[in-house]
N, C-alpha and C. Protein backbone atom coordinates (compact mmCIF):
# COMPACT_ATOMS: atom_id res chain seq x y z
N MET A 1 -13.08 -25.65 -9.62
CA MET A 1 -12.02 -26.13 -8.87
C MET A 1 -11.20 -27.08 -9.31
N GLN A 2 -11.63 -27.99 -10.58
CA GLN A 2 -10.78 -28.67 -11.29
C GLN A 2 -9.80 -27.59 -12.23
N LYS A 3 -10.59 -26.55 -12.91
CA LYS A 3 -9.89 -25.25 -13.76
C LYS A 3 -8.88 -24.65 -12.84
N ALA A 4 -8.84 -24.91 -11.56
CA ALA A 4 -7.93 -24.14 -10.51
C ALA A 4 -6.74 -24.93 -10.34
N ASN A 5 -7.05 -26.23 -10.23
CA ASN A 5 -6.46 -27.60 -10.28
C ASN A 5 -5.37 -27.74 -11.39
N THR A 6 -5.83 -27.62 -12.60
CA THR A 6 -5.08 -27.75 -13.47
C THR A 6 -4.22 -26.57 -14.14
N ARG A 7 -4.62 -25.25 -13.82
CA ARG A 7 -3.67 -24.45 -13.61
C ARG A 7 -2.44 -24.21 -12.76
N PHE A 8 -3.00 -24.94 -11.65
CA PHE A 8 -1.73 -25.01 -10.59
C PHE A 8 -0.96 -25.79 -11.04
N ALA A 9 -1.15 -27.17 -11.68
CA ALA A 9 -0.55 -28.16 -12.03
C ALA A 9 0.70 -27.40 -13.09
N THR A 10 0.01 -26.71 -14.05
CA THR A 10 0.63 -26.15 -15.01
C THR A 10 1.90 -25.28 -14.55
N LEU A 11 1.41 -24.63 -13.59
CA LEU A 11 2.39 -23.36 -12.81
C LEU A 11 3.62 -24.07 -12.30
N THR A 12 3.47 -25.31 -11.33
CA THR A 12 4.19 -25.97 -10.94
C THR A 12 5.55 -26.39 -11.70
N ARG A 13 5.22 -26.37 -12.99
CA ARG A 13 6.45 -26.73 -13.94
C ARG A 13 7.06 -25.55 -14.26
N MET A 14 6.43 -24.31 -14.05
CA MET A 14 7.08 -23.28 -14.50
C MET A 14 8.00 -22.44 -13.32
N LYS A 15 8.83 -21.59 -13.88
CA LYS A 15 9.86 -21.12 -12.73
C LYS A 15 9.06 -20.28 -11.59
N ASP A 16 8.29 -19.72 -12.09
CA ASP A 16 7.41 -18.67 -10.94
C ASP A 16 5.92 -19.66 -10.25
N ALA A 17 6.08 -20.53 -10.29
CA ALA A 17 4.97 -21.50 -9.80
C ALA A 17 4.53 -20.87 -8.47
N TYR A 18 3.19 -20.71 -8.23
CA TYR A 18 2.91 -20.18 -6.83
C TYR A 18 1.23 -21.02 -6.10
N ASP A 19 1.30 -21.01 -5.25
CA ASP A 19 0.25 -21.39 -4.45
C ASP A 19 -1.18 -20.97 -4.80
N VAL A 20 -2.26 -21.80 -5.83
CA VAL A 20 -3.22 -21.02 -6.25
C VAL A 20 -4.20 -20.91 -5.08
N GLN A 21 -4.20 -21.88 -4.35
CA GLN A 21 -5.18 -21.78 -3.21
C GLN A 21 -5.18 -20.90 -2.17
N HIS A 22 -3.63 -20.78 -1.95
CA HIS A 22 -3.16 -19.36 -1.15
C HIS A 22 -3.86 -17.93 -1.71
N LEU A 23 -3.34 -18.14 -3.15
CA LEU A 23 -3.85 -16.86 -3.49
C LEU A 23 -5.40 -16.51 -3.81
N ARG A 24 -6.04 -17.71 -3.77
CA ARG A 24 -7.72 -17.29 -3.72
C ARG A 24 -7.80 -16.73 -2.23
N HIS A 25 -7.13 -17.55 -1.45
CA HIS A 25 -7.50 -16.93 -0.05
C HIS A 25 -7.23 -15.56 0.00
N LEU A 26 -5.89 -15.25 -0.39
CA LEU A 26 -5.33 -13.71 -0.38
C LEU A 26 -6.32 -12.81 -1.21
N ALA A 27 -7.09 -13.03 -2.33
CA ALA A 27 -7.71 -12.58 -3.17
C ALA A 27 -9.04 -11.92 -2.33
N GLY A 28 -9.44 -13.24 -1.55
CA GLY A 28 -10.86 -13.01 -0.75
C GLY A 28 -10.59 -11.76 0.27
N GLU A 29 -9.34 -11.93 1.03
CA GLU A 29 -9.09 -11.06 1.93
C GLU A 29 -9.00 -9.57 1.54
N ILE A 30 -7.90 -9.58 0.26
CA ILE A 30 -8.23 -7.86 -0.45
C ILE A 30 -9.37 -7.52 -0.54
N ILE A 31 -10.11 -8.49 -1.51
CA ILE A 31 -11.38 -7.92 -1.70
C ILE A 31 -12.36 -7.30 -0.46
N THR A 32 -12.52 -8.12 0.31
CA THR A 32 -13.48 -7.60 1.96
C THR A 32 -12.92 -6.72 2.36
N ASN A 33 -11.24 -6.36 2.59
CA ASN A 33 -10.93 -5.30 3.24
C ASN A 33 -10.91 -4.01 2.21
N VAL A 34 -10.67 -3.97 1.06
CA VAL A 34 -10.69 -2.72 0.24
C VAL A 34 -12.31 -2.32 -0.26
N ARG A 35 -12.98 -3.43 -0.22
CA ARG A 35 -14.25 -2.79 -0.48
C ARG A 35 -14.92 -2.02 0.69
N GLU A 36 -14.26 -2.08 1.65
CA GLU A 36 -14.55 -1.66 3.46
C GLU A 36 -13.84 -0.16 3.16
N LEU A 37 -12.45 0.00 2.54
CA LEU A 37 -11.86 1.21 2.66
C LEU A 37 -12.43 2.01 1.18
N SER A 38 -13.13 1.50 0.24
CA SER A 38 -13.97 1.99 -0.84
C SER A 38 -15.05 2.87 -0.27
N ARG A 39 -16.08 2.29 0.52
CA ARG A 39 -17.22 2.55 1.14
C ARG A 39 -16.58 3.93 2.05
N ALA A 40 -15.29 3.84 2.55
CA ALA A 40 -14.74 4.75 3.53
C ALA A 40 -14.26 6.00 2.82
N GLY A 41 -14.45 6.24 1.13
CA GLY A 41 -14.03 7.00 0.35
C GLY A 41 -12.62 7.15 0.38
N LEU A 42 -11.99 6.05 0.33
CA LEU A 42 -10.56 6.29 0.22
C LEU A 42 -10.06 5.78 -1.37
N THR A 43 -11.05 5.42 -2.04
CA THR A 43 -10.45 5.03 -3.52
C THR A 43 -11.53 5.48 -4.60
N PRO A 44 -11.65 6.81 -4.67
CA PRO A 44 -12.20 7.21 -5.87
C PRO A 44 -11.97 7.16 -7.07
N ALA A 45 -12.85 6.95 -8.30
CA ALA A 45 -12.57 6.56 -9.42
C ALA A 45 -11.62 5.50 -10.04
N THR A 46 -11.80 4.35 -9.41
CA THR A 46 -10.86 3.54 -9.75
C THR A 46 -9.43 3.58 -9.29
N SER A 47 -9.44 4.46 -8.20
CA SER A 47 -7.90 4.66 -7.84
C SER A 47 -7.27 3.81 -7.18
N SER A 48 -5.99 3.93 -6.48
CA SER A 48 -5.51 3.26 -5.59
C SER A 48 -5.12 1.76 -5.64
N ASN A 49 -4.14 0.91 -5.13
CA ASN A 49 -3.92 -0.17 -5.34
C ASN A 49 -3.57 -1.08 -4.00
N PHE A 50 -3.54 -2.47 -4.04
CA PHE A 50 -3.52 -3.14 -2.67
C PHE A 50 -2.80 -4.16 -3.37
N SER A 51 -2.00 -4.63 -2.21
CA SER A 51 -1.23 -5.89 -2.36
C SER A 51 -0.79 -6.84 -0.68
N LEU A 52 -0.88 -7.94 -1.10
CA LEU A 52 -0.33 -8.90 -0.13
C LEU A 52 0.49 -9.87 -0.57
N ARG A 53 1.72 -10.23 0.49
CA ARG A 53 2.52 -11.06 -0.35
C ARG A 53 1.97 -12.36 -0.10
N LEU A 54 2.52 -13.24 -1.30
CA LEU A 54 1.88 -14.31 -1.59
C LEU A 54 3.11 -15.34 -1.12
N ASP A 55 4.37 -15.32 -1.45
CA ASP A 55 5.58 -16.03 -0.80
C ASP A 55 6.45 -15.26 -1.09
N GLU A 56 7.86 -15.81 -0.94
CA GLU A 56 9.10 -15.28 -0.66
C GLU A 56 9.72 -14.52 -2.34
N ARG A 57 8.88 -14.72 -3.35
CA ARG A 57 9.12 -14.27 -4.82
C ARG A 57 7.78 -13.66 -5.45
N HIS A 58 6.61 -13.49 -4.53
CA HIS A 58 5.46 -13.09 -5.16
C HIS A 58 4.62 -12.29 -4.29
N ALA A 59 3.77 -11.60 -4.88
CA ALA A 59 2.47 -10.81 -4.40
C ALA A 59 1.26 -10.72 -5.35
N ALA A 60 0.12 -11.36 -4.45
CA ALA A 60 -1.08 -10.57 -4.85
C ALA A 60 -1.41 -9.17 -4.94
N ILE A 61 -1.81 -8.82 -6.19
CA ILE A 61 -2.08 -6.91 -6.19
C ILE A 61 -3.32 -6.93 -7.18
N THR A 62 -3.82 -6.09 -6.87
CA THR A 62 -4.99 -5.54 -7.72
C THR A 62 -4.77 -5.07 -9.31
N VAL A 63 -5.55 -5.70 -9.96
CA VAL A 63 -5.51 -5.12 -11.16
C VAL A 63 -5.49 -3.85 -11.57
N SER A 64 -4.68 -3.26 -12.88
CA SER A 64 -5.04 -1.84 -12.49
C SER A 64 -6.44 -1.46 -13.61
N GLY A 65 -7.11 -0.12 -13.03
CA GLY A 65 -8.03 0.36 -13.57
C GLY A 65 -9.55 -0.02 -13.46
N ARG A 66 -9.49 -1.03 -12.09
CA ARG A 66 -10.84 -1.90 -11.83
C ARG A 66 -11.41 -0.79 -10.39
N ASP A 67 -12.68 -0.86 -10.52
CA ASP A 67 -13.38 -0.27 -9.58
C ASP A 67 -13.46 -1.41 -8.11
N LYS A 68 -12.82 -0.52 -7.20
CA LYS A 68 -12.35 -0.95 -5.94
C LYS A 68 -13.19 -1.21 -4.87
N GLY A 69 -14.48 -0.72 -5.32
CA GLY A 69 -15.42 -1.05 -4.58
C GLY A 69 -16.53 -2.36 -5.12
N LYS A 70 -16.05 -3.05 -6.34
CA LYS A 70 -16.65 -4.10 -7.00
C LYS A 70 -15.72 -4.94 -7.46
N LEU A 71 -14.46 -5.17 -6.60
CA LEU A 71 -13.31 -6.31 -6.96
C LEU A 71 -13.91 -7.78 -6.69
N THR A 72 -13.64 -8.35 -7.95
CA THR A 72 -13.82 -9.92 -7.75
C THR A 72 -12.52 -10.82 -7.73
N GLU A 73 -12.47 -11.91 -7.65
CA GLU A 73 -11.45 -13.06 -7.70
C GLU A 73 -10.49 -12.55 -8.96
N ALA A 74 -11.38 -11.90 -10.22
CA ALA A 74 -10.97 -12.02 -11.32
C ALA A 74 -9.75 -10.47 -11.41
N ASP A 75 -9.88 -9.59 -10.59
CA ASP A 75 -9.40 -8.54 -10.55
C ASP A 75 -8.14 -8.70 -9.62
N ILE A 76 -7.83 -9.76 -8.93
CA ILE A 76 -6.47 -9.64 -8.50
C ILE A 76 -5.59 -10.72 -8.99
N MET A 77 -4.18 -10.05 -9.22
CA MET A 77 -3.25 -10.94 -9.97
C MET A 77 -2.04 -11.19 -9.11
N VAL A 78 -0.89 -11.87 -9.77
CA VAL A 78 0.08 -12.28 -9.52
C VAL A 78 1.28 -11.44 -10.31
N VAL A 79 2.11 -10.69 -9.19
CA VAL A 79 3.34 -10.38 -9.88
C VAL A 79 4.65 -10.79 -8.83
N ASP A 80 5.88 -10.96 -9.93
CA ASP A 80 7.27 -11.64 -9.13
C ASP A 80 7.55 -9.84 -8.61
N PHE A 81 8.79 -9.93 -7.86
CA PHE A 81 9.13 -9.05 -6.66
C PHE A 81 9.85 -7.95 -7.78
N HIS A 82 9.83 -8.02 -9.14
CA HIS A 82 10.32 -7.10 -10.00
C HIS A 82 9.22 -6.23 -10.91
N GLY A 83 8.03 -6.75 -10.45
CA GLY A 83 6.86 -6.33 -10.55
C GLY A 83 6.30 -6.30 -12.14
N ASN A 84 6.66 -8.06 -12.76
CA ASN A 84 6.27 -8.34 -13.76
C ASN A 84 5.11 -8.98 -13.31
N PRO A 85 4.19 -9.31 -14.37
CA PRO A 85 2.95 -10.54 -14.36
C PRO A 85 3.35 -11.57 -14.25
N VAL A 86 2.56 -12.61 -13.68
CA VAL A 86 3.05 -14.09 -13.47
C VAL A 86 1.66 -14.74 -13.66
N GLY A 87 1.65 -15.83 -14.80
CA GLY A 87 0.60 -16.62 -15.15
C GLY A 87 -0.67 -15.50 -15.39
N SER A 88 -0.84 -14.20 -16.33
CA SER A 88 -1.73 -13.45 -16.40
C SER A 88 -1.53 -12.52 -17.48
N GLU A 89 -2.54 -12.08 -18.05
CA GLU A 89 -2.41 -11.18 -19.23
C GLU A 89 -3.01 -10.06 -18.88
N HIS A 90 -3.42 -9.67 -17.32
CA HIS A 90 -3.76 -8.52 -16.89
C HIS A 90 -2.50 -7.59 -16.89
N CYS A 91 -2.69 -6.36 -17.01
CA CYS A 91 -1.86 -5.30 -16.15
C CYS A 91 -2.03 -4.89 -14.72
N PRO A 92 -0.72 -4.98 -14.07
CA PRO A 92 -0.58 -4.49 -12.66
C PRO A 92 -0.84 -2.90 -12.92
N SER A 93 -0.92 -2.61 -11.73
CA SER A 93 -0.77 -0.97 -11.58
C SER A 93 0.76 -0.59 -12.11
N ALA A 94 0.62 0.62 -12.35
CA ALA A 94 1.95 1.21 -12.94
C ALA A 94 2.66 1.36 -11.58
N GLU A 95 2.52 1.61 -10.37
CA GLU A 95 3.04 1.80 -9.41
C GLU A 95 3.33 0.21 -8.55
N THR A 96 3.17 -0.40 -9.23
CA THR A 96 3.62 -1.92 -8.57
C THR A 96 4.93 -1.99 -7.61
N LEU A 97 5.88 -1.64 -8.43
CA LEU A 97 7.16 -1.40 -7.84
C LEU A 97 7.39 -1.02 -6.65
N LEU A 98 6.24 0.02 -6.08
CA LEU A 98 6.19 0.53 -4.92
C LEU A 98 5.76 -0.21 -3.88
N HIS A 99 5.09 -1.41 -4.39
CA HIS A 99 4.81 -2.61 -3.53
C HIS A 99 5.75 -3.25 -3.51
N THR A 100 6.48 -3.70 -4.46
CA THR A 100 7.36 -4.91 -4.63
C THR A 100 8.86 -5.16 -4.10
N HIS A 101 9.16 -3.34 -4.11
CA HIS A 101 10.35 -3.28 -3.52
C HIS A 101 10.20 -3.36 -1.79
N LEU A 102 9.05 -2.89 -1.38
CA LEU A 102 9.02 -3.13 -0.21
C LEU A 102 9.14 -4.55 0.39
N TYR A 103 8.39 -5.44 -0.01
CA TYR A 103 8.34 -7.25 0.05
C TYR A 103 9.60 -7.53 -0.13
N HIS A 104 10.59 -6.95 -1.12
CA HIS A 104 11.85 -7.56 -1.24
C HIS A 104 12.60 -7.14 -0.10
N ARG A 105 12.55 -5.62 0.16
CA ARG A 105 13.76 -5.21 1.03
C ARG A 105 13.21 -5.35 2.87
N PHE A 106 12.05 -5.82 2.89
CA PHE A 106 11.64 -6.35 4.12
C PHE A 106 10.68 -7.50 4.28
N PRO A 107 11.20 -8.64 4.61
CA PRO A 107 10.37 -9.96 4.59
C PRO A 107 9.38 -10.22 5.57
N GLU A 108 9.56 -9.36 6.38
CA GLU A 108 8.93 -9.28 7.56
C GLU A 108 7.25 -8.45 7.28
N ILE A 109 7.25 -7.61 5.93
CA ILE A 109 6.00 -7.19 5.30
C ILE A 109 5.18 -8.00 4.72
N GLY A 110 3.84 -8.23 4.85
CA GLY A 110 3.18 -8.96 4.48
C GLY A 110 1.95 -8.16 3.30
N CYS A 111 1.86 -6.73 3.61
CA CYS A 111 0.79 -6.14 3.08
C CYS A 111 1.19 -4.63 3.06
N VAL A 112 0.75 -4.20 1.64
CA VAL A 112 0.88 -2.94 1.28
C VAL A 112 -0.36 -2.08 0.77
N LEU A 113 -0.87 -0.75 1.45
CA LEU A 113 -1.84 -0.52 1.02
C LEU A 113 -1.66 1.01 0.37
N HIS A 114 -2.42 1.10 -0.78
CA HIS A 114 -2.07 2.61 -1.27
C HIS A 114 -3.54 3.26 -1.58
N THR A 115 -3.75 4.32 -0.94
CA THR A 115 -5.38 5.01 -0.96
C THR A 115 -4.95 6.29 -1.40
N HIS A 116 -6.05 7.03 -1.75
CA HIS A 116 -6.31 8.56 -2.16
C HIS A 116 -7.39 9.27 -1.66
N SER A 117 -7.38 9.31 -0.35
CA SER A 117 -8.65 10.10 0.46
C SER A 117 -8.30 11.28 0.02
N GLN A 118 -9.13 12.44 0.50
CA GLN A 118 -9.11 13.85 0.18
C GLN A 118 -8.07 14.31 1.20
N VAL A 119 -8.16 13.81 2.34
CA VAL A 119 -7.59 14.17 3.28
C VAL A 119 -5.87 13.75 3.16
N GLN A 120 -5.61 12.99 2.66
CA GLN A 120 -4.43 12.54 2.10
C GLN A 120 -3.96 13.34 1.15
N THR A 121 -4.45 13.57 0.37
CA THR A 121 -4.44 14.24 -1.07
C THR A 121 -4.02 15.87 -0.71
N ILE A 122 -4.90 16.73 0.10
CA ILE A 122 -4.73 18.07 0.72
C ILE A 122 -3.49 17.92 1.21
N ALA A 123 -3.41 16.89 2.13
CA ALA A 123 -1.98 17.21 3.21
C ALA A 123 -0.79 17.11 2.09
N SER A 124 -0.70 16.19 1.26
CA SER A 124 0.44 16.06 0.18
C SER A 124 0.83 17.27 -0.64
N ARG A 125 -0.36 18.16 -0.79
CA ARG A 125 0.12 19.33 -1.33
C ARG A 125 0.67 20.32 -0.52
N LEU A 126 -0.20 20.37 0.78
CA LEU A 126 0.16 21.50 1.54
C LEU A 126 1.71 21.43 2.04
N TYR A 127 1.97 20.02 2.31
CA TYR A 127 3.38 19.92 2.87
C TYR A 127 4.50 19.54 1.78
N ALA A 128 4.07 19.76 0.60
CA ALA A 128 5.20 18.95 -0.45
C ALA A 128 6.47 20.08 -0.42
N SER A 129 6.10 21.11 -0.23
CA SER A 129 7.57 21.83 -0.04
C SER A 129 8.24 21.65 1.18
N ASP A 130 7.77 20.99 2.10
CA ASP A 130 8.65 20.82 3.38
C ASP A 130 9.33 19.63 2.88
N GLY A 131 8.73 18.65 2.24
CA GLY A 131 9.35 17.47 2.25
C GLY A 131 8.89 16.34 3.54
N HIS A 132 8.17 16.83 4.20
CA HIS A 132 7.69 16.03 4.88
C HIS A 132 6.22 16.19 5.99
N ILE A 133 5.89 15.89 6.69
CA ILE A 133 4.82 16.35 7.43
C ILE A 133 5.51 15.79 9.27
N ARG A 134 5.70 16.42 10.03
CA ARG A 134 5.82 15.95 11.45
C ARG A 134 4.66 15.74 12.33
N LEU A 135 4.35 14.62 12.69
CA LEU A 135 3.05 14.12 13.72
C LEU A 135 4.13 14.09 15.13
N GLU A 136 3.36 14.78 15.88
CA GLU A 136 4.31 14.85 17.14
C GLU A 136 3.10 15.05 18.11
N GLY A 137 3.34 13.99 19.22
CA GLY A 137 2.69 14.30 20.62
C GLY A 137 1.26 13.45 20.75
N TYR A 138 0.94 13.12 19.53
CA TYR A 138 -0.22 12.54 19.63
C TYR A 138 -0.52 11.17 20.28
N GLU A 139 -1.53 10.85 21.09
CA GLU A 139 -1.61 9.33 21.46
C GLU A 139 -1.90 8.42 20.59
N LEU A 140 -2.25 8.80 19.41
CA LEU A 140 -2.54 7.47 18.42
C LEU A 140 -1.21 7.24 17.68
N LEU A 141 -0.15 8.05 17.68
CA LEU A 141 1.38 7.57 17.49
C LEU A 141 1.56 6.24 17.80
N LYS A 142 0.92 5.62 18.99
CA LYS A 142 0.69 4.37 19.60
C LYS A 142 0.73 3.26 18.64
N ALA A 143 -0.36 3.64 17.64
CA ALA A 143 -0.73 2.72 16.78
C ALA A 143 -0.12 2.30 15.93
N PHE A 144 1.37 2.94 15.57
CA PHE A 144 2.55 1.99 14.89
C PHE A 144 3.12 1.37 15.51
N ALA A 145 3.37 0.38 14.55
CA ALA A 145 4.15 -1.12 15.25
C ALA A 145 5.43 -0.33 15.71
N GLY A 146 5.52 -0.96 17.07
CA GLY A 146 7.03 -0.64 17.82
C GLY A 146 7.18 0.67 18.52
N ASN A 147 5.92 1.63 18.34
CA ASN A 147 6.20 3.06 18.94
C ASN A 147 5.31 2.81 20.20
N THR A 148 5.43 3.08 21.36
CA THR A 148 5.12 2.56 22.44
C THR A 148 4.71 4.06 23.55
N THR A 149 4.95 5.27 22.77
CA THR A 149 4.28 6.30 23.63
C THR A 149 4.21 7.43 22.94
N HIS A 150 3.42 8.41 23.44
CA HIS A 150 2.94 9.42 22.74
C HIS A 150 4.05 10.78 22.54
N GLU A 151 4.86 10.36 23.40
CA GLU A 151 6.10 11.42 23.77
C GLU A 151 7.05 10.93 22.28
N ALA A 152 6.72 11.45 21.50
CA ALA A 152 7.57 10.90 20.24
C ALA A 152 7.06 11.47 18.98
N ALA A 153 7.82 11.93 18.05
CA ALA A 153 7.57 12.46 16.80
C ALA A 153 8.10 11.58 15.82
N ILE A 154 7.18 11.65 14.49
CA ILE A 154 7.65 10.86 13.44
C ILE A 154 7.68 12.08 12.35
N ASP A 155 8.55 11.91 10.83
CA ASP A 155 8.27 12.64 9.66
C ASP A 155 7.67 11.80 8.85
N VAL A 156 6.75 12.06 8.48
CA VAL A 156 6.09 11.01 7.42
C VAL A 156 6.54 11.77 5.84
N PRO A 157 7.46 11.25 4.90
CA PRO A 157 7.86 11.86 3.83
C PRO A 157 6.80 12.10 3.07
N VAL A 158 7.02 13.05 2.22
CA VAL A 158 6.20 13.69 1.15
C VAL A 158 6.99 13.85 -0.31
N PHE A 159 6.82 12.75 -1.20
CA PHE A 159 7.66 12.76 -2.29
C PHE A 159 7.00 13.34 -3.63
N ALA A 160 7.84 13.77 -4.10
CA ALA A 160 7.11 14.87 -5.71
C ALA A 160 6.66 13.31 -6.70
N ASN A 161 5.33 13.70 -6.99
CA ASN A 161 4.99 12.94 -8.12
C ASN A 161 5.70 12.69 -9.45
N THR A 162 5.96 11.18 -9.97
CA THR A 162 6.80 11.02 -10.86
C THR A 162 6.25 9.73 -11.61
N GLN A 163 6.22 9.54 -12.92
CA GLN A 163 5.84 8.43 -13.50
C GLN A 163 7.01 7.31 -13.31
N ASP A 164 8.15 8.05 -12.99
CA ASP A 164 9.51 6.90 -12.94
C ASP A 164 9.38 5.96 -11.71
N MET A 165 8.42 5.13 -11.46
CA MET A 165 8.60 4.12 -10.48
C MET A 165 9.91 3.90 -10.00
N VAL A 166 10.84 3.51 -10.50
CA VAL A 166 12.26 2.85 -10.40
C VAL A 166 12.98 4.29 -9.63
N GLN A 167 12.70 5.38 -9.98
CA GLN A 167 13.28 6.61 -9.29
C GLN A 167 12.63 6.78 -7.96
N LEU A 168 11.38 6.74 -8.24
CA LEU A 168 10.49 7.09 -6.65
C LEU A 168 11.02 5.51 -5.89
N ALA A 169 11.16 4.75 -6.17
CA ALA A 169 11.34 3.47 -5.42
C ALA A 169 12.75 3.78 -4.83
N ALA A 170 13.54 4.34 -5.39
CA ALA A 170 14.93 4.72 -5.13
C ALA A 170 14.85 5.82 -3.94
N GLN A 171 14.21 6.78 -4.06
CA GLN A 171 13.93 7.79 -3.30
C GLN A 171 13.48 7.23 -1.87
N VAL A 172 12.56 6.26 -1.68
CA VAL A 172 11.64 5.60 -0.98
C VAL A 172 12.84 4.78 0.09
N ASP A 173 13.83 4.43 -1.02
CA ASP A 173 14.82 3.40 -0.26
C ASP A 173 15.69 4.36 0.47
N GLU A 174 16.03 5.59 0.25
CA GLU A 174 16.98 6.03 0.87
C GLU A 174 16.50 6.99 2.05
N SER A 175 14.86 7.08 2.26
CA SER A 175 14.29 7.63 3.31
C SER A 175 14.75 6.39 4.43
N LEU A 176 14.16 5.44 3.77
CA LEU A 176 14.25 4.05 5.02
C LEU A 176 15.45 4.07 5.42
N ASP A 177 16.34 4.20 4.62
CA ASP A 177 17.85 4.20 5.50
C ASP A 177 18.17 5.06 6.46
N ARG A 178 17.32 6.05 6.38
CA ARG A 178 17.60 7.31 7.50
C ARG A 178 16.50 7.16 8.64
N GLN A 179 15.65 6.55 8.53
CA GLN A 179 14.44 6.25 9.37
C GLN A 179 13.61 5.34 9.40
N THR A 180 13.04 4.99 10.54
CA THR A 180 11.79 4.34 10.52
C THR A 180 10.62 4.66 9.99
N MET A 181 10.18 3.85 9.30
CA MET A 181 8.84 4.41 8.24
C MET A 181 7.58 3.40 8.46
N TRP A 182 6.40 3.91 8.68
CA TRP A 182 5.16 3.04 8.32
C TRP A 182 4.33 3.19 7.62
N GLY A 183 4.78 4.63 6.43
CA GLY A 183 4.38 5.09 5.21
C GLY A 183 4.66 6.11 4.76
N TYR A 184 4.48 6.94 3.62
CA TYR A 184 4.81 7.77 2.89
C TYR A 184 3.43 8.54 2.17
N LEU A 185 4.00 9.77 1.81
CA LEU A 185 2.81 10.55 0.98
C LEU A 185 3.51 10.97 -0.37
N ILE A 186 2.63 10.93 -1.57
CA ILE A 186 3.08 11.42 -2.85
C ILE A 186 2.27 12.32 -3.15
N ASP A 187 3.07 13.79 -3.43
CA ASP A 187 2.38 14.98 -3.71
C ASP A 187 1.27 14.88 -4.55
N GLY A 188 0.14 15.25 -4.24
CA GLY A 188 -0.94 15.67 -5.12
C GLY A 188 -1.54 14.15 -5.74
N HIS A 189 -1.09 13.25 -4.75
CA HIS A 189 -1.76 11.79 -4.93
C HIS A 189 -2.26 11.20 -3.80
N GLY A 190 -1.21 10.69 -2.99
CA GLY A 190 -2.18 9.93 -2.05
C GLY A 190 -0.99 9.03 -0.75
N LEU A 191 -1.45 8.28 -0.19
CA LEU A 191 -0.74 7.87 1.01
C LEU A 191 -0.36 6.28 0.63
N TYR A 192 0.69 5.70 0.91
CA TYR A 192 1.16 4.58 1.24
C TYR A 192 1.36 3.91 2.58
N ALA A 193 0.90 2.81 2.98
CA ALA A 193 1.01 2.54 4.46
C ALA A 193 1.46 1.04 4.40
N TRP A 194 1.73 0.22 5.17
CA TRP A 194 2.11 -1.11 5.19
C TRP A 194 2.40 -1.85 6.57
N GLY A 195 2.33 -3.01 6.47
CA GLY A 195 2.54 -3.69 8.25
C GLY A 195 2.97 -5.14 7.63
N ARG A 196 3.06 -5.71 8.73
CA ARG A 196 3.01 -7.17 8.88
C ARG A 196 1.98 -7.99 7.79
N ASN A 197 0.80 -7.54 8.22
CA ASN A 197 -0.50 -8.23 7.68
C ASN A 197 -1.60 -7.26 7.39
N MET A 198 -2.50 -7.62 6.88
CA MET A 198 -3.72 -6.76 6.74
C MET A 198 -4.27 -6.03 7.80
N GLY A 199 -4.33 -6.50 8.71
CA GLY A 199 -4.99 -5.95 10.23
C GLY A 199 -3.82 -4.73 10.52
N GLU A 200 -2.66 -4.96 10.46
CA GLU A 200 -1.54 -4.23 10.97
C GLU A 200 -1.22 -3.17 9.88
N ALA A 201 -1.28 -3.52 8.67
CA ALA A 201 -1.45 -1.97 7.34
C ALA A 201 -2.85 -1.08 7.93
N ARG A 202 -3.93 -2.14 7.90
CA ARG A 202 -4.99 -1.15 7.89
C ARG A 202 -4.94 -0.20 9.05
N ARG A 203 -4.43 -0.95 10.16
CA ARG A 203 -4.21 0.23 11.39
C ARG A 203 -3.14 1.43 11.02
N HIS A 204 -2.04 1.03 10.48
CA HIS A 204 -1.34 2.25 10.09
C HIS A 204 -2.03 3.12 9.18
N LEU A 205 -2.74 2.66 8.27
CA LEU A 205 -3.32 3.45 7.41
C LEU A 205 -4.46 4.38 8.00
N GLU A 206 -5.54 3.86 8.87
CA GLU A 206 -6.27 4.71 9.63
C GLU A 206 -5.42 5.48 10.69
N ALA A 207 -4.56 5.20 11.02
CA ALA A 207 -3.76 6.42 11.83
C ALA A 207 -3.45 7.55 11.33
N PHE A 208 -2.96 7.22 10.04
CA PHE A 208 -2.17 8.04 9.41
C PHE A 208 -3.43 9.03 8.77
N GLU A 209 -4.48 8.60 8.62
CA GLU A 209 -5.67 9.29 8.11
C GLU A 209 -6.30 9.76 8.89
N PHE A 210 -6.38 9.75 10.39
CA PHE A 210 -6.95 10.37 11.23
C PHE A 210 -5.91 11.61 11.65
N LEU A 211 -4.27 10.87 11.82
CA LEU A 211 -3.40 12.06 12.10
C LEU A 211 -3.24 13.07 11.37
N LEU A 212 -3.41 12.82 10.06
CA LEU A 212 -3.30 14.26 8.76
C LEU A 212 -4.45 15.24 8.94
N SER A 213 -5.72 14.45 9.33
CA SER A 213 -6.88 15.07 9.56
C SER A 213 -6.65 16.08 10.48
N CYS A 214 -6.02 15.61 11.77
CA CYS A 214 -5.95 16.46 12.71
C CYS A 214 -4.81 17.56 12.32
N GLU A 215 -3.79 17.33 11.76
CA GLU A 215 -2.74 18.25 11.25
C GLU A 215 -3.33 19.33 10.37
N LEU A 216 -4.60 18.82 9.72
CA LEU A 216 -5.24 19.76 8.51
C LEU A 216 -6.15 20.61 9.43
N GLU A 217 -6.76 19.97 10.46
CA GLU A 217 -7.82 20.92 11.27
C GLU A 217 -7.09 22.04 11.77
N LEU A 218 -5.90 21.60 12.47
CA LEU A 218 -5.27 22.77 13.37
C LEU A 218 -4.49 23.95 12.74
N ARG A 219 -4.03 23.43 11.42
CA ARG A 219 -3.84 24.70 10.47
C ARG A 219 -4.69 25.27 10.04
N ARG A 220 -5.90 24.99 10.12
CA ARG A 220 -7.04 25.74 9.46
C ARG A 220 -7.26 26.77 10.57
N LEU A 221 -7.25 26.11 12.04
CA LEU A 221 -7.68 27.18 12.93
C LEU A 221 -6.51 28.09 13.98
N GLN A 222 -5.20 27.59 13.43
CA GLN A 222 -4.57 28.58 13.41
C GLN A 222 -4.27 29.64 12.51
N ARG A 223 -4.86 29.83 11.54
CA ARG A 223 -4.91 31.00 10.87
C ARG A 223 -5.28 32.30 11.60
C-alpha cells in the first residue's frame, strides 16, 4: 500500500496523473472477466486485448503478449488516448489505438473487448469480400443497447487486416459516421465489441458470438 501511495504522489505531479486505487479496481475487473473469456476459448495463444476507461484521458489496458488466462495486476497498464504508455515501461498492444479512439470519440463508452474466437475468425474470412455480415430477424438483436425489436437488421463491418492502426481507426470512424455500431470484425483476426461498462460490453460480445455462430451454421445447412 505504501508503494502504491508513493507512486500516486509522484503521478499527481505529472501531467498525466491518474488515480492508482481506481486503476487497481479496474485491473481486478479486467482480470476476473478476461479469465472467464479465456476459459471460453476466446483468447488463444496470448491473443486479444481488453480495456476499461480510467478517466477522461486514460484507459487501463492489458499488456501485450500476456497469457490472458493468467493475468495479474502487473499485466494491466495505463495509456493515454493517443495510445502512449503512462507511468509504465511495459508495451501496450499494437492495437491500442483501436481502443482509445473509441474512448475519445464516445465519452459514454467505458469498456472495449477484443477477442479471437474460432467463430469470429472464420466469419471474418467468409464475409471479408462482402465487407460486412448482415444480422437480421434474430430475437437476440435486442441484446444490443438501444435495440428493442427482433424486426431489425444490423450490418457488422468486416475490415481488412492491417498493421497500420491509424488507417484502420480512420476506417472504423468512417463506418461509425454512417451507422450505429456495437462492434466490428477484422478479416482473419477477430472481433471488437464495446459498451458503457464491462457488463454491457460482454453482453454485446456474447451476442455477436452467438449470432455469428448461427450465421455460420445456416450457411453450412444451406449448401
